Structures are given as structure tokens and as C-alpha cells.
Amino acid sequence: HSVPLKATLIRAAAFFIAASAFWSLLPIIVSKG
């Protein structure tokens, strides 16, 4: 029921889900790419 906290959580989820691609793919990029 907190509008400011919900806004933060939504922004965080949107950013971290997409940006996590760098962390998960970096080993493969180095070894295979």
C-alpha cells in the first residue's frame, strides 16, 4: 500500500531483469565469443 515503495520496486525489477544479461552472459562472451 506504499506508492513510493511500489514505484521503486517496479523500476528495480524492470532494470535488473534486463541488466542481468551482462552478468549471466559475460563468461560465455569471453570463452566463446
ModelCIF file with pLDDT and N, C-alpha, C, O atoms, coordinates in Angstrom:
data_MODEL
#
_entry.id   MODEL 
#
_entity.id                         1 
_entity.type                       polymer 
_entity.pdbx_number_of_molecules   1 
#
_entity_poly.entity_id                      1 
_entity_poly.type                           'polypeptide(L)' 
_entity_poly.nstd_linkage                   no 
_entity_poly.nstd_monomer                   no 
_entity_poly.pdbx_seq_one_letter_code       HSVPLKATLIRAAAFFIAASAFWSLLPIIVSKG 
_entity_poly.pdbx_seq_one_letter_code_can   HSVPLKATLIRAAAFFIAASAFWSLLPIIVSKG 
_entity_poly.pdbx_strand_id                 A 
#
loop_
_entity_poly_seq.entity_id 
_entity_poly_seq.num 
_entity_poly_seq.mon_id 
_entity_poly_seq.hetero 
1 1  HIS n 
1 2  SER n 
1 3  VAL n 
1 4  PRO n 
1 5  LEU n 
1 6  LYS n 
1 7  ALA n 
1 8  THR n 
1 9  LEU n 
1 10 ILE n 
1 11 ARG n 
1 12 ALA n 
1 13 ALA n 
1 14 ALA n 
1 15 PHE n 
1 16 PHE n 
1 17 ILE n 
1 18 ALA n 
1 19 ALA n 
1 20 SER n 
1 21 ALA n 
1 22 PHE n 
1 23 TRP n 
1 24 SER n 
1 25 LEU n 
1 26 LEU n 
1 27 PRO n 
1 28 ILE n 
1 29 ILE n 
1 30 VAL n 
1 31 SER n 
1 32 LYS n 
1 33 GLY n 
#
_struct_asym.id          A 
_struct_asym.entity_id   1 
#
loop_
_ma_qa_metric.id 
_ma_qa_metric.mode 
_ma_qa_metric.name 
_ma_qa_metric.software_group_id 
_ma_qa_metric.type 
1 global pLDDT . pLDDT 
2 local  pLDDT . pLDDT 
#
_ma_qa_metric_global.metric_id      1 
_ma_qa_metric_global.metric_value   93.21 
_ma_qa_metric_global.model_id       1 
_ma_qa_metric_global.ordinal_id     1 
#
loop_
_ma_qa_metric_local.label_asym_id 
_ma_qa_metric_local.label_comp_id 
_ma_qa_metric_local.label_seq_id 
_ma_qa_metric_local.metric_id 
_ma_qa_metric_local.metric_value 
_ma_qa_metric_local.model_id 
_ma_qa_metric_local.ordinal_id 
A HIS 1  2 87.00 1 1  
A SER 2  2 88.00 1 2  
A VAL 3  2 89.00 1 3  
A PRO 4  2 90.00 1 4  
A LEU 5  2 92.00 1 5  
A LYS 6  2 93.00 1 6  
A ALA 7  2 93.00 1 7  
A THR 8  2 95.00 1 8  
A LEU 9  2 95.00 1 9  
A ILE 10 2 95.00 1 10 
A ARG 11 2 96.00 1 11 
A ALA 12 2 96.00 1 12 
A ALA 13 2 96.00 1 13 
A ALA 14 2 96.00 1 14 
A PHE 15 2 96.00 1 15 
A PHE 16 2 97.00 1 16 
A ILE 17 2 96.00 1 17 
A ALA 18 2 96.00 1 18 
A ALA 19 2 96.00 1 19 
A SER 20 2 96.00 1 20 
A ALA 21 2 95.00 1 21 
A PHE 22 2 95.00 1 22 
A TRP 23 2 94.00 1 23 
A SER 24 2 94.00 1 24 
A LEU 25 2 93.00 1 25 
A LEU 26 2 94.00 1 26 
A PRO 27 2 93.00 1 27 
A ILE 28 2 92.00 1 28 
A ILE 29 2 92.00 1 29 
A VAL 30 2 92.00 1 30 
A SER 31 2 90.00 1 31 
A LYS 32 2 88.00 1 32 
A GLY 33 2 86.00 1 33 
#
loop_
_atom_site.group_PDB 
_atom_site.id 
_atom_site.type_symbol 
_atom_site.label_atom_id 
_atom_site.label_alt_id 
_atom_site.label_comp_id 
_atom_site.label_asym_id 
_atom_site.label_entity_id 
_atom_site.label_seq_id 
_atom_site.pdbx_PDB_ins_code 
_atom_site.Cartn_x 
_atom_site.Cartn_y 
_atom_site.Cartn_z 
_atom_site.occupancy 
_atom_site.B_iso_or_equiv 
_atom_site.pdbx_formal_charge 
_atom_site.auth_seq_id 
_atom_site.auth_comp_id 
_atom_site.auth_asym_id 
_atom_site.auth_atom_id 
_atom_site.pdbx_PDB_model_num 
ATOM 1   N N  . HIS A 1 1  ? 0.807  -1.221  0.000   1.00 87.00 ? 1  HIS A N  1 
ATOM 2   C CA . HIS A 1 1  ? 0.000  0.000   0.000   1.00 87.00 ? 1  HIS A CA 1 
ATOM 3   C C  . HIS A 1 1  ? 0.846  1.280   0.000   1.00 87.00 ? 1  HIS A C  1 
ATOM 4   O O  . HIS A 1 1  ? 0.301  2.371   0.169   1.00 87.00 ? 1  HIS A O  1 
ATOM 5   N N  . SER A 1 2  ? 2.146  1.166   -0.183  1.00 88.00 ? 2  SER A N  1 
ATOM 6   C CA . SER A 1 2  ? 3.009  2.345   -0.244  1.00 88.00 ? 2  SER A CA 1 
ATOM 7   C C  . SER A 1 2  ? 3.322  2.685   -1.696  1.00 88.00 ? 2  SER A C  1 
ATOM 8   O O  . SER A 1 2  ? 4.035  1.939   -2.367  1.00 88.00 ? 2  SER A O  1 
ATOM 9   N N  . VAL A 1 3  ? 2.801  3.791   -2.181  1.00 89.00 ? 3  VAL A N  1 
ATOM 10  C CA . VAL A 1 3  ? 3.015  4.186   -3.577  1.00 89.00 ? 3  VAL A CA 1 
ATOM 11  C C  . VAL A 1 3  ? 4.499  4.424   -3.883  1.00 89.00 ? 3  VAL A C  1 
ATOM 12  O O  . VAL A 1 3  ? 4.979  3.938   -4.908  1.00 89.00 ? 3  VAL A O  1 
ATOM 13  N N  . PRO A 1 4  ? 5.250  5.153   -3.036  1.00 90.00 ? 4  PRO A N  1 
ATOM 14  C CA . PRO A 1 4  ? 6.670  5.377   -3.340  1.00 90.00 ? 4  PRO A CA 1 
ATOM 15  C C  . PRO A 1 4  ? 7.484  4.092   -3.379  1.00 90.00 ? 4  PRO A C  1 
ATOM 16  O O  . PRO A 1 4  ? 8.343  3.933   -4.246  1.00 90.00 ? 4  PRO A O  1 
ATOM 17  N N  . LEU A 1 5  ? 7.226  3.168   -2.449  1.00 92.00 ? 5  LEU A N  1 
ATOM 18  C CA . LEU A 1 5  ? 7.996  1.922   -2.427  1.00 92.00 ? 5  LEU A CA 1 
ATOM 19  C C  . LEU A 1 5  ? 7.634  1.041   -3.612  1.00 92.00 ? 5  LEU A C  1 
ATOM 20  O O  . LEU A 1 5  ? 8.515  0.437   -4.223  1.00 92.00 ? 5  LEU A O  1 
ATOM 21  N N  . LYS A 1 6  ? 6.354  0.961   -3.945  1.00 93.00 ? 6  LYS A N  1 
ATOM 22  C CA . LYS A 1 6  ? 5.946  0.163   -5.110  1.00 93.00 ? 6  LYS A CA 1 
ATOM 23  C C  . LYS A 1 6  ? 6.574  0.701   -6.389  1.00 93.00 ? 6  LYS A C  1 
ATOM 24  O O  . LYS A 1 6  ? 6.990  -0.074  -7.250  1.00 93.00 ? 6  LYS A O  1 
ATOM 25  N N  . ALA A 1 7  ? 6.646  2.019   -6.518  1.00 93.00 ? 7  ALA A N  1 
ATOM 26  C CA . ALA A 1 7  ? 7.278  2.617   -7.694  1.00 93.00 ? 7  ALA A CA 1 
ATOM 27  C C  . ALA A 1 7  ? 8.743  2.211   -7.787  1.00 93.00 ? 7  ALA A C  1 
ATOM 28  O O  . ALA A 1 7  ? 9.238  1.894   -8.869  1.00 93.00 ? 7  ALA A O  1 
ATOM 29  N N  . THR A 1 8  ? 9.434  2.223   -6.652  1.00 95.00 ? 8  THR A N  1 
ATOM 30  C CA . THR A 1 8  ? 10.845 1.831   -6.624  1.00 95.00 ? 8  THR A CA 1 
ATOM 31  C C  . THR A 1 8  ? 11.015 0.370   -7.000  1.00 95.00 ? 8  THR A C  1 
ATOM 32  O O  . THR A 1 8  ? 11.910 0.028   -7.773  1.00 95.00 ? 8  THR A O  1 
ATOM 33  N N  . LEU A 1 9  ? 10.169 -0.490  -6.464  1.00 95.00 ? 9  LEU A N  1 
ATOM 34  C CA . LEU A 1 9  ? 10.267 -1.925  -6.742  1.00 95.00 ? 9  LEU A CA 1 
ATOM 35  C C  . LEU A 1 9  ? 9.991  -2.226  -8.212  1.00 95.00 ? 9  LEU A C  1 
ATOM 36  O O  . LEU A 1 9  ? 10.642 -3.088  -8.802  1.00 95.00 ? 9  LEU A O  1 
ATOM 37  N N  . ILE A 1 10 ? 9.045  -1.532  -8.797  1.00 95.00 ? 10 ILE A N  1 
ATOM 38  C CA . ILE A 1 10 ? 8.737  -1.739  -10.217 1.00 95.00 ? 10 ILE A CA 1 
ATOM 39  C C  . ILE A 1 10 ? 9.916  -1.310  -11.088 1.00 95.00 ? 10 ILE A C  1 
ATOM 40  O O  . ILE A 1 10 ? 10.307 -2.026  -12.011 1.00 95.00 ? 10 ILE A O  1 
ATOM 41  N N  . ARG A 1 11 ? 10.482 -0.127  -10.787 1.00 96.00 ? 11 ARG A N  1 
ATOM 42  C CA . ARG A 1 11 ? 11.642 0.341   -11.548 1.00 96.00 ? 11 ARG A CA 1 
ATOM 43  C C  . ARG A 1 11 ? 12.830 -0.609  -11.375 1.00 96.00 ? 11 ARG A C  1 
ATOM 44  O O  . ARG A 1 11 ? 13.562 -0.881  -12.326 1.00 96.00 ? 11 ARG A O  1 
ATOM 45  N N  . ALA A 1 12 ? 13.010 -1.107  -10.152 1.00 96.00 ? 12 ALA A N  1 
ATOM 46  C CA . ALA A 1 12 ? 14.125 -2.021  -9.880  1.00 96.00 ? 12 ALA A CA 1 
ATOM 47  C C  . ALA A 1 12 ? 13.969 -3.325  -10.661 1.00 96.00 ? 12 ALA A C  1 
ATOM 48  O O  . ALA A 1 12 ? 14.928 -3.807  -11.263 1.00 96.00 ? 12 ALA A O  1 
ATOM 49  N N  . ALA A 1 13 ? 12.775 -3.892  -10.652 1.00 96.00 ? 13 ALA A N  1 
ATOM 50  C CA . ALA A 1 13 ? 12.539 -5.155  -11.356 1.00 96.00 ? 13 ALA A CA 1 
ATOM 51  C C  . ALA A 1 13 ? 12.774 -4.988  -12.857 1.00 96.00 ? 13 ALA A C  1 
ATOM 52  O O  . ALA A 1 13 ? 13.406 -5.835  -13.490 1.00 96.00 ? 13 ALA A O  1 
ATOM 53  N N  . ALA A 1 14 ? 12.263 -3.892  -13.423 1.00 96.00 ? 14 ALA A N  1 
ATOM 54  C CA . ALA A 1 14 ? 12.424 -3.657  -14.859 1.00 96.00 ? 14 ALA A CA 1 
ATOM 55  C C  . ALA A 1 14 ? 13.892 -3.525  -15.244 1.00 96.00 ? 14 ALA A C  1 
ATOM 56  O O  . ALA A 1 14 ? 14.310 -4.034  -16.284 1.00 96.00 ? 14 ALA A O  1 
ATOM 57  N N  . PHE A 1 15 ? 14.682 -2.840  -14.406 1.00 96.00 ? 15 PHE A N  1 
ATOM 58  C CA . PHE A 1 15 ? 16.096 -2.643  -14.731 1.00 96.00 ? 15 PHE A CA 1 
ATOM 59  C C  . PHE A 1 15 ? 16.913 -3.913  -14.517 1.00 96.00 ? 15 PHE A C  1 
ATOM 60  O O  . PHE A 1 15 ? 17.669 -4.313  -15.402 1.00 96.00 ? 15 PHE A O  1 
ATOM 61  N N  . PHE A 1 16 ? 16.772 -4.549  -13.361 1.00 97.00 ? 16 PHE A N  1 
ATOM 62  C CA . PHE A 1 16 ? 17.650 -5.666  -13.012 1.00 97.00 ? 16 PHE A CA 1 
ATOM 63  C C  . PHE A 1 16 ? 17.396 -6.909  -13.859 1.00 97.00 ? 16 PHE A C  1 
ATOM 64  O O  . PHE A 1 16 ? 18.333 -7.641  -14.176 1.00 97.00 ? 16 PHE A O  1 
ATOM 65  N N  . ILE A 1 17 ? 16.140 -7.154  -14.226 1.00 96.00 ? 17 ILE A N  1 
ATOM 66  C CA . ILE A 1 17 ? 15.871 -8.311  -15.082 1.00 96.00 ? 17 ILE A CA 1 
ATOM 67  C C  . ILE A 1 17 ? 16.608 -8.180  -16.405 1.00 96.00 ? 17 ILE A C  1 
ATOM 68  O O  . ILE A 1 17 ? 17.197 -9.147  -16.889 1.00 96.00 ? 17 ILE A O  1 
ATOM 69  N N  . ALA A 1 18 ? 16.578 -6.984  -16.996 1.00 96.00 ? 18 ALA A N  1 
ATOM 70  C CA . ALA A 1 18 ? 17.235 -6.780  -18.293 1.00 96.00 ? 18 ALA A CA 1 
ATOM 71  C C  . ALA A 1 18 ? 18.750 -6.668  -18.148 1.00 96.00 ? 18 ALA A C  1 
ATOM 72  O O  . ALA A 1 18 ? 19.492 -7.260  -18.931 1.00 96.00 ? 18 ALA A O  1 
ATOM 73  N N  . ALA A 1 19 ? 19.216 -5.908  -17.145 1.00 96.00 ? 19 ALA A N  1 
ATOM 74  C CA . ALA A 1 19 ? 20.656 -5.683  -16.986 1.00 96.00 ? 19 ALA A CA 1 
ATOM 75  C C  . ALA A 1 19 ? 21.393 -6.932  -16.544 1.00 96.00 ? 19 ALA A C  1 
ATOM 76  O O  . ALA A 1 19 ? 22.606 -7.031  -16.729 1.00 96.00 ? 19 ALA A O  1 
ATOM 77  N N  . SER A 1 20 ? 20.674 -7.897  -15.957 1.00 96.00 ? 20 SER A N  1 
ATOM 78  C CA . SER A 1 20 ? 21.324 -9.139  -15.528 1.00 96.00 ? 20 SER A CA 1 
ATOM 79  C C  . SER A 1 20 ? 21.887 -9.925  -16.706 1.00 96.00 ? 20 SER A C  1 
ATOM 80  O O  . SER A 1 20 ? 22.685 -10.843 -16.514 1.00 96.00 ? 20 SER A O  1 
ATOM 81  N N  . ALA A 1 21 ? 21.477 -9.573  -17.928 1.00 95.00 ? 21 ALA A N  1 
ATOM 82  C CA . ALA A 1 21 ? 22.014 -10.249 -19.115 1.00 95.00 ? 21 ALA A CA 1 
ATOM 83  C C  . ALA A 1 21 ? 23.535 -10.124 -19.177 1.00 95.00 ? 21 ALA A C  1 
ATOM 84  O O  . ALA A 1 21 ? 24.216 -11.054 -19.608 1.00 95.00 ? 21 ALA A O  1 
ATOM 85  N N  . PHE A 1 22 ? 24.068 -8.980  -18.748 1.00 95.00 ? 22 PHE A N  1 
ATOM 86  C CA . PHE A 1 22 ? 25.521 -8.778  -18.797 1.00 95.00 ? 22 PHE A CA 1 
ATOM 87  C C  . PHE A 1 22 ? 26.230 -9.763  -17.887 1.00 95.00 ? 22 PHE A C  1 
ATOM 88  O O  . PHE A 1 22 ? 27.206 -10.397 -18.288 1.00 95.00 ? 22 PHE A O  1 
ATOM 89  N N  . TRP A 1 23 ? 25.732 -9.895  -16.643 1.00 94.00 ? 23 TRP A N  1 
ATOM 90  C CA . TRP A 1 23 ? 26.378 -10.787 -15.673 1.00 94.00 ? 23 TRP A CA 1 
ATOM 91  C C  . TRP A 1 23 ? 26.274 -12.245 -16.094 1.00 94.00 ? 23 TRP A C  1 
ATOM 92  O O  . TRP A 1 23 ? 27.234 -13.001 -15.941 1.00 94.00 ? 23 TRP A O  1 
ATOM 93  N N  . SER A 1 24 ? 25.130 -12.648 -16.619 1.00 94.00 ? 24 SER A N  1 
ATOM 94  C CA . SER A 1 24 ? 24.938 -14.055 -16.973 1.00 94.00 ? 24 SER A CA 1 
ATOM 95  C C  . SER A 1 24 ? 25.658 -14.446 -18.260 1.00 94.00 ? 24 SER A C  1 
ATOM 96  O O  . SER A 1 24 ? 26.037 -15.604 -18.435 1.00 94.00 ? 24 SER A O  1 
ATOM 97  N N  . LEU A 1 25 ? 25.846 -13.477 -19.163 1.00 93.00 ? 25 LEU A N  1 
ATOM 98  C CA . LEU A 1 25 ? 26.447 -13.792 -20.463 1.00 93.00 ? 25 LEU A CA 1 
ATOM 99  C C  . LEU A 1 25 ? 27.940 -13.505 -20.537 1.00 93.00 ? 25 LEU A C  1 
ATOM 100 O O  . LEU A 1 25 ? 28.609 -13.991 -21.450 1.00 93.00 ? 25 LEU A O  1 
ATOM 101 N N  . LEU A 1 26 ? 28.480 -12.728 -19.600 1.00 94.00 ? 26 LEU A N  1 
ATOM 102 C CA . LEU A 1 26 ? 29.888 -12.345 -19.677 1.00 94.00 ? 26 LEU A CA 1 
ATOM 103 C C  . LEU A 1 26 ? 30.840 -13.535 -19.767 1.00 94.00 ? 26 LEU A C  1 
ATOM 104 O O  . LEU A 1 26 ? 31.751 -13.500 -20.595 1.00 94.00 ? 26 LEU A O  1 
ATOM 105 N N  . PRO A 1 27 ? 30.681 -14.586 -18.962 1.00 93.00 ? 27 PRO A N  1 
ATOM 106 C CA . PRO A 1 27 ? 31.597 -15.734 -19.112 1.00 93.00 ? 27 PRO A CA 1 
ATOM 107 C C  . PRO A 1 27 ? 31.524 -16.374 -20.496 1.00 93.00 ? 27 PRO A C  1 
ATOM 108 O O  . PRO A 1 27 ? 32.542 -16.794 -21.046 1.00 93.00 ? 27 PRO A O  1 
ATOM 109 N N  . ILE A 1 28 ? 30.305 -16.447 -21.062 1.00 92.00 ? 28 ILE A N  1 
ATOM 110 C CA . ILE A 1 28 ? 30.146 -17.054 -22.390 1.00 92.00 ? 28 ILE A CA 1 
ATOM 111 C C  . ILE A 1 28 ? 30.743 -16.159 -23.469 1.00 92.00 ? 28 ILE A C  1 
ATOM 112 O O  . ILE A 1 28 ? 31.345 -16.636 -24.430 1.00 92.00 ? 28 ILE A O  1 
ATOM 113 N N  . ILE A 1 29 ? 30.562 -14.839 -23.290 1.00 92.00 ? 29 ILE A N  1 
ATOM 114 C CA . ILE A 1 29 ? 31.141 -13.893 -24.263 1.00 92.00 ? 29 ILE A CA 1 
ATOM 115 C C  . ILE A 1 29 ? 32.656 -14.032 -24.306 1.00 92.00 ? 29 ILE A C  1 
ATOM 116 O O  . ILE A 1 29 ? 33.255 -14.031 -25.381 1.00 92.00 ? 29 ILE A O  1 
ATOM 117 N N  . VAL A 1 30 ? 33.276 -14.153 -23.132 1.00 92.00 ? 30 VAL A N  1 
ATOM 118 C CA . VAL A 1 30 ? 34.740 -14.268 -23.067 1.00 92.00 ? 30 VAL A CA 1 
ATOM 119 C C  . VAL A 1 30 ? 35.202 -15.602 -23.625 1.00 92.00 ? 30 VAL A C  1 
ATOM 120 O O  . VAL A 1 30 ? 36.141 -15.648 -24.420 1.00 92.00 ? 30 VAL A O  1 
ATOM 121 N N  . SER A 1 31 ? 34.552 -16.692 -23.219 1.00 90.00 ? 31 SER A N  1 
ATOM 122 C CA . SER A 1 31 ? 35.035 -18.025 -23.611 1.00 90.00 ? 31 SER A CA 1 
ATOM 123 C C  . SER A 1 31 ? 34.691 -18.392 -25.044 1.00 90.00 ? 31 SER A C  1 
ATOM 124 O O  . SER A 1 31 ? 35.532 -18.941 -25.757 1.00 90.00 ? 31 SER A O  1 
ATOM 125 N N  . LYS A 1 32 ? 33.455 -18.096 -25.487 1.00 88.00 ? 32 LYS A N  1 
ATOM 126 C CA . LYS A 1 32 ? 33.018 -18.494 -26.825 1.00 88.00 ? 32 LYS A CA 1 
ATOM 127 C C  . LYS A 1 32 ? 33.063 -17.351 -27.830 1.00 88.00 ? 32 LYS A C  1 
ATOM 128 O O  . LYS A 1 32 ? 33.479 -17.533 -28.975 1.00 88.00 ? 32 LYS A O  1 
ATOM 129 N N  . GLY A 1 33 ? 32.628 -16.163 -27.390 1.00 86.00 ? 33 GLY A N  1 
ATOM 130 C CA . GLY A 1 33 ? 32.626 -15.036 -28.320 1.00 86.00 ? 33 GLY A CA 1 
ATOM 131 C C  . GLY A 1 33 ? 34.019 -14.553 -28.664 1.00 86.00 ? 33 GLY A C  1 
ATOM 132 O O  . GLY A 1 33 ? 34.171 -13.607 -29.438 1.00 86.00 ? 33 GLY A O  1 
#
